[in-house]
Amino acid sequence: MVVRESFQTQLDELRDMLVDLGRQAESALDDAIDSLKTQDVDKALRIIDNDFRINNLEEEINDKAILLIAKQAPVASDLRRIIVAIKISSDVERIADFAVNIAKSVIRIGKEPLIKELVDIPELAESAKTMLVEAIQAYNDEDIVLAKKMADRDDLVDEKYGQLIQELLGSMKDYPDSTNQIIQLSFICRYIERAADHATNIGENIVYLVKGKHYDLNE
């Protein structure tokens, strides 16, 4: 009984570490978009410099998960819980990487006057961030109803992404001297769209965690 309680405590610690990782990725995404809106290159540089914290935490999660498998030889639902933690931590770390990529694009744009007021891109990012927040909440609560909502939200992000890319590429003829900026803004839209895809992956893994079967939310 004591052994089981100790194992459960370690599983809870693994979950808490992953929730913390999600919050850090959310903060990085928020900061990246804020640095874009304010064209704050110094803030963008800080996002890049701080990425090692997220990378280190992901490694700690993986190390802890592997150690639990090696020491406890878990079966069934406990094994799924550990495997899912590894998979989700990878998706969350990738989302944080996209925040870093956004920051790099902000640096490449620099203080160049923007071709239009930034409204649509921050809205797209807010949608992706909401998906991340809800995905982590669904993981923490093992809520498959919330997890399955990722698919519908991802469809909306994909639709908005397509519209933005068309608009940005179409603006090249009107702003021939701002080609670099337009390309970087297009990259940023792509990074946000990919972040939403990874949030959907998290949703799928939550369904696997609870139901014990793989579920493609993009079908």
C-alpha atoms as a PDB file:
ATOM      1  CA  MET A   1       0.000   0.000   0.000  1.00  0.00           C
ATOM      2  CA  VAL A   2       2.828   2.379   0.895  1.00  0.00           C
ATOM      3  CA  VAL A   3       4.578   1.571  -2.405  1.00  0.00           C
ATOM      4  CA  ARG A   4       1.401   2.382  -4.345  1.00  0.00           C
ATOM      5  CA  GLU A   5       0.961   5.684  -2.505  1.00  0.00           C
ATOM      6  CA  SER A   6       4.562   6.628  -3.278  1.00  0.00           C
ATOM      7  CA  PHE A   7       4.060   5.762  -6.947  1.00  0.00           C
ATOM      8  CA  GLN A   8       0.869   7.814  -7.090  1.00  0.00           C
ATOM      9  CA  THR A   9       2.685  10.754  -5.531  1.00  0.00           C
ATOM     10  CA  GLN A  10       5.326  10.558  -8.249  1.00  0.00           C
ATOM     11  CA  LEU A  11       2.643  10.377 -10.948  1.00  0.00           C
ATOM     12  CA  ASP A  12       1.051  13.483  -9.454  1.00  0.00           C
ATOM     13  CA  GLU A  13       4.421  15.235  -9.487  1.00  0.00           C
ATOM     14  CA  LEU A  14       4.858  14.318 -13.155  1.00  0.00           C
ATOM     15  CA  ARG A  15       1.441  15.775 -13.954  1.00  0.00           C
ATOM     16  CA  ASP A  16       2.211  18.975 -12.032  1.00  0.00           C
ATOM     17  CA  MET A  17       5.504  19.394 -13.887  1.00  0.00           C
ATOM     18  CA  LEU A  18       3.693  19.075 -17.196  1.00  0.00           C
ATOM     19  CA  VAL A  19       1.050  21.609 -16.182  1.00  0.00           C
ATOM     20  CA  ASP A  20       3.882  23.991 -15.256  1.00  0.00           C
ATOM     21  CA  LEU A  21       5.498  23.378 -18.647  1.00  0.00           C
ATOM     22  CA  GLY A  22       2.202  24.293 -20.305  1.00  0.00           C
ATOM     23  CA  ARG A  23       1.989  27.533 -18.368  1.00  0.00           C
ATOM     24  CA  GLN A  24       5.527  28.470 -19.351  1.00  0.00           C
ATOM     25  CA  ALA A  25       4.793  27.788 -23.020  1.00  0.00           C
ATOM     26  CA  GLU A  26       1.618  29.850 -22.767  1.00  0.00           C
ATOM     27  CA  SER A  27       3.607  32.730 -21.275  1.00  0.00           C
ATOM     28  CA  ALA A  28       6.241  32.471 -24.013  1.00  0.00           C
ATOM     29  CA  LEU A  29       3.563  32.602 -26.706  1.00  0.00           C
ATOM     30  CA  ASP A  30       1.925  35.578 -25.032  1.00  0.00           C
ATOM     31  CA  ASP A  31       5.238  37.420 -24.752  1.00  0.00           C
ATOM     32  CA  ALA A  32       6.144  36.662 -28.365  1.00  0.00           C
ATOM     33  CA  ILE A  33       2.929  38.170 -29.691  1.00  0.00           C
ATOM     34  CA  ASP A  34       3.284  41.143 -27.368  1.00  0.00           C
ATOM     35  CA  SER A  35       6.808  41.732 -28.672  1.00  0.00           C
ATOM     36  CA  LEU A  36       5.360  41.675 -32.189  1.00  0.00           C
ATOM     37  CA  LYS A  37       2.620  44.174 -31.394  1.00  0.00           C
ATOM     38  CA  THR A  38       5.075  46.561 -29.732  1.00  0.00           C
ATOM     39  CA  GLN A  39       8.001  45.683 -32.033  1.00  0.00           C
ATOM     40  CA  ASP A  40      10.032  45.184 -28.877  1.00  0.00           C
ATOM     41  CA  VAL A  41      13.247  43.552 -30.045  1.00  0.00           C
ATOM     42  CA  ASP A  42      14.693  43.388 -26.523  1.00  0.00           C
ATOM     43  CA  LYS A  43      11.677  41.414 -25.330  1.00  0.00           C
ATOM     44  CA  ALA A  44      11.988  39.098 -28.310  1.00  0.00           C
ATOM     45  CA  LEU A  45      15.623  38.468 -27.395  1.00  0.00           C
ATOM     46  CA  ARG A  46      14.611  37.615 -23.813  1.00  0.00           C
ATOM     47  CA  ILE A  47      12.118  35.035 -25.102  1.00  0.00           C
ATOM     48  CA  ILE A  48      14.917  33.342 -27.032  1.00  0.00           C
ATOM     49  CA  ASP A  49      17.301  33.501 -24.065  1.00  0.00           C
ATOM     50  CA  ASN A  50      14.706  32.013 -21.686  1.00  0.00           C
ATOM     51  CA  ASP A  51      13.815  29.072 -23.899  1.00  0.00           C
ATOM     52  CA  PHE A  52      16.411  26.901 -22.176  1.00  0.00           C
ATOM     53  CA  ARG A  53      14.192  26.849 -19.063  1.00  0.00           C
ATOM     54  CA  ILE A  54      11.390  25.188 -20.996  1.00  0.00           C
ATOM     55  CA  ASN A  55      13.793  22.788 -22.690  1.00  0.00           C
ATOM     56  CA  ASN A  56      15.280  21.823 -19.328  1.00  0.00           C
ATOM     57  CA  LEU A  57      11.858  21.207 -17.798  1.00  0.00           C
ATOM     58  CA  GLU A  58      10.858  19.000 -20.724  1.00  0.00           C
ATOM     59  CA  GLU A  59      14.042  16.974 -20.196  1.00  0.00           C
ATOM     60  CA  GLU A  60      13.257  16.657 -16.478  1.00  0.00           C
ATOM     61  CA  ILE A  61       9.771  15.385 -17.320  1.00  0.00           C
ATOM     62  CA  ASN A  62      11.176  12.823 -19.734  1.00  0.00           C
ATOM     63  CA  ASP A  63      13.824  11.701 -17.254  1.00  0.00           C
ATOM     64  CA  LYS A  64      11.271  11.321 -14.478  1.00  0.00           C
ATOM     65  CA  ALA A  65       8.896   9.410 -16.751  1.00  0.00           C
ATOM     66  CA  ILE A  66      11.604   7.000 -17.902  1.00  0.00           C
ATOM     67  CA  LEU A  67      12.743   6.464 -14.316  1.00  0.00           C
ATOM     68  CA  LEU A  68       9.177   5.649 -13.260  1.00  0.00           C
ATOM     69  CA  ILE A  69       8.869   3.076 -16.027  1.00  0.00           C
ATOM     70  CA  ALA A  70      12.197   1.521 -15.128  1.00  0.00           C
ATOM     71  CA  LYS A  71      11.647   1.413 -11.377  1.00  0.00           C
ATOM     72  CA  GLN A  72       7.920   0.766 -11.094  1.00  0.00           C
ATOM     73  CA  ALA A  73       7.204  -1.378 -14.180  1.00  0.00           C
ATOM     74  CA  PRO A  74       3.714   0.161 -14.407  1.00  0.00           C
ATOM     75  CA  VAL A  75       0.926  -1.566 -16.299  1.00  0.00           C
ATOM     76  CA  ALA A  76      -2.282  -0.520 -18.087  1.00  0.00           C
ATOM     77  CA  SER A  77      -3.570   2.942 -17.180  1.00  0.00           C
ATOM     78  CA  ASP A  78      -0.479   3.949 -15.191  1.00  0.00           C
ATOM     79  CA  LEU A  79       1.789   3.145 -18.117  1.00  0.00           C
ATOM     80  CA  ARG A  80      -0.471   5.138 -20.448  1.00  0.00           C
ATOM     81  CA  ARG A  81      -0.325   8.056 -18.039  1.00  0.00           C
ATOM     82  CA  ILE A  82       3.473   8.101 -18.160  1.00  0.00           C
ATOM     83  CA  ILE A  83       3.707   7.633 -21.930  1.00  0.00           C
ATOM     84  CA  VAL A  84       1.147  10.384 -22.523  1.00  0.00           C
ATOM     85  CA  ALA A  85       3.120  12.736 -20.278  1.00  0.00           C
ATOM     86  CA  ILE A  86       6.176  12.217 -22.489  1.00  0.00           C
ATOM     87  CA  LYS A  87       4.175  12.815 -25.672  1.00  0.00           C
ATOM     88  CA  ILE A  88       2.397  15.895 -24.373  1.00  0.00           C
ATOM     89  CA  SER A  89       5.602  17.412 -23.022  1.00  0.00           C
ATOM     90  CA  SER A  90       7.065  17.122 -26.515  1.00  0.00           C
ATOM     91  CA  ASP A  91       4.063  18.927 -28.040  1.00  0.00           C
ATOM     92  CA  VAL A  92       4.204  21.673 -25.421  1.00  0.00           C
ATOM     93  CA  GLU A  93       7.930  22.149 -25.966  1.00  0.00           C
ATOM     94  CA  ARG A  94       7.302  22.499 -29.698  1.00  0.00           C
ATOM     95  CA  ILE A  95       4.721  25.205 -29.020  1.00  0.00           C
ATOM     96  CA  ALA A  96       7.344  27.051 -26.979  1.00  0.00           C
ATOM     97  CA  ASP A  97       9.741  26.650 -29.926  1.00  0.00           C
ATOM     98  CA  PHE A  98       7.192  28.372 -32.144  1.00  0.00           C
ATOM     99  CA  ALA A  99       7.138  31.260 -29.668  1.00  0.00           C
ATOM    100  CA  VAL A 100      10.905  31.476 -30.128  1.00  0.00           C
ATOM    101  CA  ASN A 101      10.478  31.425 -33.913  1.00  0.00           C
ATOM    102  CA  ILE A 102       7.966  34.275 -33.656  1.00  0.00           C
ATOM    103  CA  ALA A 103      10.476  36.215 -31.568  1.00  0.00           C
ATOM    104  CA  LYS A 104      13.137  35.682 -34.242  1.00  0.00           C
ATOM    105  CA  SER A 105      10.765  37.023 -36.885  1.00  0.00           C
ATOM    106  CA  VAL A 106      10.086  40.059 -34.686  1.00  0.00           C
ATOM    107  CA  ILE A 107      13.835  40.704 -34.590  1.00  0.00           C
ATOM    108  CA  ARG A 108      14.048  40.391 -38.389  1.00  0.00           C
ATOM    109  CA  ILE A 109      11.231  42.900 -38.811  1.00  0.00           C
ATOM    110  CA  GLY A 110      12.819  45.239 -36.289  1.00  0.00           C
ATOM    111  CA  LYS A 111      11.424  48.741 -36.113  1.00  0.00           C
ATOM    112  CA  GLU A 112      10.325  48.819 -39.737  1.00  0.00           C
ATOM    113  CA  PRO A 113       6.905  50.527 -40.007  1.00  0.00           C
ATOM    114  CA  LEU A 114       4.223  47.851 -40.266  1.00  0.00           C
ATOM    115  CA  ILE A 115       2.193  47.696 -43.466  1.00  0.00           C
ATOM    116  CA  LYS A 116      -1.038  47.505 -41.457  1.00  0.00           C
ATOM    117  CA  GLU A 117      -2.257  47.595 -37.883  1.00  0.00           C
ATOM    118  CA  LEU A 118      -1.792  44.224 -36.232  1.00  0.00           C
ATOM    119  CA  VAL A 119      -5.215  42.900 -35.290  1.00  0.00           C
ATOM    120  CA  ASP A 120      -5.790  39.605 -37.094  1.00  0.00           C
ATOM    121  CA  ILE A 121      -2.486  37.958 -36.169  1.00  0.00           C
ATOM    122  CA  PRO A 122      -2.878  38.589 -32.409  1.00  0.00           C
ATOM    123  CA  GLU A 123      -6.439  37.247 -32.663  1.00  0.00           C
ATOM    124  CA  LEU A 124      -5.132  34.113 -34.371  1.00  0.00           C
ATOM    125  CA  ALA A 125      -2.517  33.747 -31.640  1.00  0.00           C
ATOM    126  CA  GLU A 126      -5.140  34.180 -28.938  1.00  0.00           C
ATOM    127  CA  SER A 127      -7.121  31.316 -30.440  1.00  0.00           C
ATOM    128  CA  ALA A 128      -4.056  29.067 -30.448  1.00  0.00           C
ATOM    129  CA  LYS A 129      -3.159  30.089 -26.903  1.00  0.00           C
ATOM    130  CA  THR A 130      -6.692  29.299 -25.743  1.00  0.00           C
ATOM    131  CA  MET A 131      -6.321  25.852 -27.286  1.00  0.00           C
ATOM    132  CA  LEU A 132      -3.095  25.306 -25.335  1.00  0.00           C
ATOM    133  CA  VAL A 133      -4.659  26.482 -22.077  1.00  0.00           C
ATOM    134  CA  GLU A 134      -7.705  24.261 -22.552  1.00  0.00           C
ATOM    135  CA  ALA A 135      -5.596  21.301 -23.646  1.00  0.00           C
ATOM    136  CA  ILE A 136      -3.515  21.509 -20.465  1.00  0.00           C
ATOM    137  CA  GLN A 137      -6.669  21.905 -18.401  1.00  0.00           C
ATOM    138  CA  ALA A 138      -8.158  18.862 -20.118  1.00  0.00           C
ATOM    139  CA  TYR A 139      -4.988  16.929 -19.330  1.00  0.00           C
ATOM    140  CA  ASN A 140      -5.001  17.982 -15.694  1.00  0.00           C
ATOM    141  CA  ASP A 141      -8.687  17.028 -15.317  1.00  0.00           C
ATOM    142  CA  GLU A 142      -8.578  14.083 -17.747  1.00  0.00           C
ATOM    143  CA  ASP A 143     -11.532  15.761 -19.460  1.00  0.00           C
ATOM    144  CA  ILE A 144     -12.076  14.159 -22.865  1.00  0.00           C
ATOM    145  CA  VAL A 145     -15.072  16.389 -23.670  1.00  0.00           C
ATOM    146  CA  LEU A 146     -12.826  19.448 -23.471  1.00  0.00           C
ATOM    147  CA  ALA A 147     -10.018  17.580 -25.235  1.00  0.00           C
ATOM    148  CA  LYS A 148     -12.254  16.782 -28.214  1.00  0.00           C
ATOM    149  CA  LYS A 149     -13.092  20.473 -28.632  1.00  0.00           C
ATOM    150  CA  MET A 150      -9.552  20.964 -29.930  1.00  0.00           C
ATOM    151  CA  ALA A 151     -10.651  19.707 -33.358  1.00  0.00           C
ATOM    152  CA  ASP A 152     -13.323  22.366 -33.867  1.00  0.00           C
ATOM    153  CA  ARG A 153     -11.041  25.094 -32.573  1.00  0.00           C
ATOM    154  CA  ASP A 154      -8.246  23.917 -34.866  1.00  0.00           C
ATOM    155  CA  ASP A 155     -10.558  24.105 -37.877  1.00  0.00           C
ATOM    156  CA  LEU A 156     -11.269  27.762 -37.079  1.00  0.00           C
ATOM    157  CA  VAL A 157      -7.555  28.499 -36.714  1.00  0.00           C
ATOM    158  CA  ASP A 158      -6.829  26.796 -40.043  1.00  0.00           C
ATOM    159  CA  GLU A 159      -9.538  28.822 -41.772  1.00  0.00           C
ATOM    160  CA  LYS A 160      -8.295  32.113 -40.340  1.00  0.00           C
ATOM    161  CA  TYR A 161      -4.712  31.178 -41.167  1.00  0.00           C
ATOM    162  CA  GLY A 162      -5.622  30.574 -44.806  1.00  0.00           C
ATOM    163  CA  GLN A 163      -7.322  33.957 -45.037  1.00  0.00           C
ATOM    164  CA  LEU A 164      -4.382  35.767 -43.484  1.00  0.00           C
ATOM    165  CA  ILE A 165      -1.820  34.138 -45.753  1.00  0.00           C
ATOM    166  CA  GLN A 166      -3.841  35.071 -48.845  1.00  0.00           C
ATOM    167  CA  GLU A 167      -4.117  38.642 -47.607  1.00  0.00           C
ATOM    168  CA  LEU A 168      -0.423  38.934 -46.768  1.00  0.00           C
ATOM    169  CA  LEU A 169       0.831  37.462 -50.033  1.00  0.00           C
ATOM    170  CA  GLY A 170      -1.662  39.583 -51.959  1.00  0.00           C
ATOM    171  CA  SER A 171      -0.263  42.716 -50.312  1.00  0.00           C
ATOM    172  CA  MET A 172       3.191  42.214 -51.826  1.00  0.00           C
ATOM    173  CA  LYS A 173       2.243  44.063 -54.978  1.00  0.00           C
ATOM    174  CA  ASP A 174       1.087  47.066 -52.924  1.00  0.00           C
ATOM    175  CA  TYR A 175       4.141  47.059 -50.650  1.00  0.00           C
ATOM    176  CA  PRO A 176       7.086  45.904 -52.801  1.00  0.00           C
ATOM    177  CA  ASP A 177       9.584  47.458 -50.387  1.00  0.00           C
ATOM    178  CA  SER A 178       8.166  45.494 -47.458  1.00  0.00           C
ATOM    179  CA  THR A 179       8.635  41.992 -48.843  1.00  0.00           C
ATOM    180  CA  ASN A 180      10.787  40.890 -45.890  1.00  0.00           C
ATOM    181  CA  GLN A 181       8.184  42.065 -43.395  1.00  0.00           C
ATOM    182  CA  ILE A 182       5.364  40.340 -45.265  1.00  0.00           C
ATOM    183  CA  ILE A 183       7.331  37.094 -45.399  1.00  0.00           C
ATOM    184  CA  GLN A 184       8.102  37.271 -41.667  1.00  0.00           C
ATOM    185  CA  LEU A 185       4.449  37.975 -40.823  1.00  0.00           C
ATOM    186  CA  SER A 186       3.480  34.995 -42.985  1.00  0.00           C
ATOM    187  CA  PHE A 187       5.971  32.846 -41.080  1.00  0.00           C
ATOM    188  CA  ILE A 188       4.471  34.044 -37.797  1.00  0.00           C
ATOM    189  CA  CYS A 189       1.001  33.014 -38.963  1.00  0.00           C
ATOM    190  CA  ARG A 190       2.389  29.599 -39.851  1.00  0.00           C
ATOM    191  CA  TYR A 191       4.040  29.210 -36.449  1.00  0.00           C
ATOM    192  CA  ILE A 192       0.743  30.024 -34.744  1.00  0.00           C
ATOM    193  CA  GLU A 193      -1.134  27.548 -36.923  1.00  0.00           C
ATOM    194  CA  ARG A 194       1.384  24.842 -36.086  1.00  0.00           C
ATOM    195  CA  ALA A 195       1.067  25.623 -32.385  1.00  0.00           C
ATOM    196  CA  ALA A 196      -2.672  24.965 -32.700  1.00  0.00           C
ATOM    197  CA  ASP A 197      -1.908  21.641 -34.407  1.00  0.00           C
ATOM    198  CA  HIS A 198       0.211  20.597 -31.441  1.00  0.00           C
ATOM    199  CA  ALA A 199      -2.581  21.564 -29.044  1.00  0.00           C
ATOM    200  CA  THR A 200      -4.805  19.229 -31.070  1.00  0.00           C
ATOM    201  CA  ASN A 201      -2.195  16.491 -30.655  1.00  0.00           C
ATOM    202  CA  ILE A 202      -2.433  17.000 -26.905  1.00  0.00           C
ATOM    203  CA  GLY A 203      -6.195  16.551 -27.137  1.00  0.00           C
ATOM    204  CA  GLU A 204      -5.737  13.257 -28.970  1.00  0.00           C
ATOM    205  CA  ASN A 205      -3.331  11.996 -26.342  1.00  0.00           C
ATOM    206  CA  ILE A 206      -5.763  12.873 -23.576  1.00  0.00           C
ATOM    207  CA  VAL A 207      -8.420  10.743 -25.261  1.00  0.00           C
ATOM    208  CA  TYR A 208      -5.867   7.925 -25.484  1.00  0.00           C
ATOM    209  CA  LEU A 209      -5.026   8.396 -21.806  1.00  0.00           C
ATOM    210  CA  VAL A 210      -8.651   8.101 -20.687  1.00  0.00           C
ATOM    211  CA  LYS A 211     -10.061   5.680 -23.241  1.00  0.00           C
ATOM    212  CA  GLY A 212      -7.023   3.570 -23.994  1.00  0.00           C
ATOM    213  CA  LYS A 213      -7.436   3.942 -27.754  1.00  0.00           C
ATOM    214  CA  HIS A 214      -6.075   6.302 -30.363  1.00  0.00           C
ATOM    215  CA  TYR A 215      -8.422   8.975 -31.685  1.00  0.00           C
ATOM    216  CA  ASP A 216      -7.743  11.264 -34.646  1.00  0.00           C
ATOM    217  CA  LEU A 217      -9.338  14.628 -33.869  1.00  0.00           C
ATOM    218  CA  ASN A 218      -8.623  15.858 -37.403  1.00  0.00           C
ATOM    219  CA  GLU A 219     -10.819  13.271 -39.090  1.00  0.00           C
END
